[in-house]
Amino acid sequence: MWPHSEIEAHEFLSRIVEIEAKNIDEAVSRAKEMYQNEEIVLDFEDFVKPKLSYQKCY
C-alpha cells in the first residue's frame, strides 16, 4: 500500500481598499465596519494564487 500524505489547499481572496481616516487605528476600524456591513464584498476577481501546504505523511 502506498504511503498517504495530508495536503491542505488554501485559496485566498484579497483586495486593497483606500480608507480616509485620521490614523491607522481609525482606518482599520472603518474597514472592519465596512466589511461587516457588506460594503466590502470579495469575489472571484479578488482571487489570489492558491497555496498547498504539507500536513503529515503516514
C-alpha atoms as a PDB file:
ATOM      1  CA  MET A   1       0.000   0.000   0.000  1.00  0.00           C
ATOM      2  CA  TRP A   2       1.271   3.481  -0.873  1.00  0.00           C
ATOM      3  CA  PRO A   3       2.030   5.903   1.962  1.00  0.00           C
ATOM      4  CA  HIS A   4      -0.566   8.627   2.468  1.00  0.00           C
ATOM      5  CA  SER A   5       0.009  12.331   2.891  1.00  0.00           C
ATOM      6  CA  GLU A   6      -2.333  15.090   4.006  1.00  0.00           C
ATOM      7  CA  ILE A   7      -2.092  18.216   1.895  1.00  0.00           C
ATOM      8  CA  GLU A   8      -4.072  21.322   2.786  1.00  0.00           C
ATOM      9  CA  ALA A   9      -5.242  23.596  -0.024  1.00  0.00           C
ATOM     10  CA  HIS A  10      -5.737  27.309   0.685  1.00  0.00           C
ATOM     11  CA  GLU A  11      -7.476  29.775  -1.586  1.00  0.00           C
ATOM     12  CA  PHE A  12      -7.230  33.435  -0.704  1.00  0.00           C
ATOM     13  CA  LEU A  13      -9.292  36.445  -1.659  1.00  0.00           C
ATOM     14  CA  SER A  14      -7.668  39.822  -1.189  1.00  0.00           C
ATOM     15  CA  ARG A  15      -8.441  43.442  -2.064  1.00  0.00           C
ATOM     16  CA  ILE A  16      -6.804  46.745  -1.174  1.00  0.00           C
ATOM     17  CA  VAL A  17      -9.336  49.377  -0.126  1.00  0.00           C
ATOM     18  CA  GLU A  18      -8.485  53.054   0.363  1.00  0.00           C
ATOM     19  CA  ILE A  19      -9.860  54.418   3.637  1.00  0.00           C
ATOM     20  CA  GLU A  20      -9.787  58.068   4.679  1.00  0.00           C
ATOM     21  CA  ALA A  21      -9.023  58.302   8.396  1.00  0.00           C
ATOM     22  CA  LYS A  22      -7.081  60.336  10.952  1.00  0.00           C
ATOM     23  CA  ASN A  23      -4.838  57.386  11.843  1.00  0.00           C
ATOM     24  CA  ILE A  24      -4.264  53.676  11.180  1.00  0.00           C
ATOM     25  CA  ASP A  25      -6.463  52.539  14.075  1.00  0.00           C
ATOM     26  CA  GLU A  26      -9.412  54.501  12.716  1.00  0.00           C
ATOM     27  CA  ALA A  27      -8.755  53.182   9.202  1.00  0.00           C
ATOM     28  CA  VAL A  28      -8.713  49.556  10.405  1.00  0.00           C
ATOM     29  CA  SER A  29     -11.873  50.129  12.437  1.00  0.00           C
ATOM     30  CA  ARG A  30     -13.668  51.654   9.435  1.00  0.00           C
ATOM     31  CA  ALA A  31     -12.526  48.824   7.168  1.00  0.00           C
ATOM     32  CA  LYS A  32     -13.788  46.208   9.651  1.00  0.00           C
ATOM     33  CA  GLU A  33     -17.115  48.004   9.896  1.00  0.00           C
ATOM     34  CA  MET A  34     -17.403  48.245   6.104  1.00  0.00           C
ATOM     35  CA  TYR A  35     -16.631  44.522   5.787  1.00  0.00           C
ATOM     36  CA  GLN A  36     -19.177  43.558   8.456  1.00  0.00           C
ATOM     37  CA  ASN A  37     -21.808  45.782   6.779  1.00  0.00           C
ATOM     38  CA  GLU A  38     -21.041  44.046   3.462  1.00  0.00           C
ATOM     39  CA  GLU A  39     -19.790  47.262   1.877  1.00  0.00           C
ATOM     40  CA  ILE A  40     -16.629  45.304   1.045  1.00  0.00           C
ATOM     41  CA  VAL A  41     -17.553  42.015  -0.623  1.00  0.00           C
ATOM     42  CA  LEU A  42     -14.790  39.846  -2.048  1.00  0.00           C
ATOM     43  CA  ASP A  43     -15.484  37.744  -5.135  1.00  0.00           C
ATOM     44  CA  PHE A  44     -13.688  35.749  -7.840  1.00  0.00           C
ATOM     45  CA  GLU A  45     -11.936  38.878  -9.133  1.00  0.00           C
ATOM     46  CA  ASP A  46     -10.135  39.136  -5.771  1.00  0.00           C
ATOM     47  CA  PHE A  47      -8.730  35.614  -6.035  1.00  0.00           C
ATOM     48  CA  VAL A  48      -5.044  35.310  -5.165  1.00  0.00           C
ATOM     49  CA  LYS A  49      -2.792  32.391  -6.110  1.00  0.00           C
ATOM     50  CA  PRO A  50      -3.665  29.167  -4.247  1.00  0.00           C
ATOM     51  CA  LYS A  51      -1.249  27.633  -1.759  1.00  0.00           C
ATOM     52  CA  LEU A  52      -0.722  23.994  -0.852  1.00  0.00           C
ATOM     53  CA  SER A  53       0.880  23.047   2.447  1.00  0.00           C
ATOM     54  CA  TYR A  54       2.135  19.731   3.808  1.00  0.00           C
ATOM     55  CA  GLN A  55       0.395  18.424   6.930  1.00  0.00           C
ATOM     56  CA  LYS A  56       1.761  14.953   7.642  1.00  0.00           C
ATOM     57  CA  CYS A  57       2.802  11.742   5.999  1.00  0.00           C
ATOM     58  CA  TYR A  58       1.998   8.248   7.248  1.00  0.00           C
END
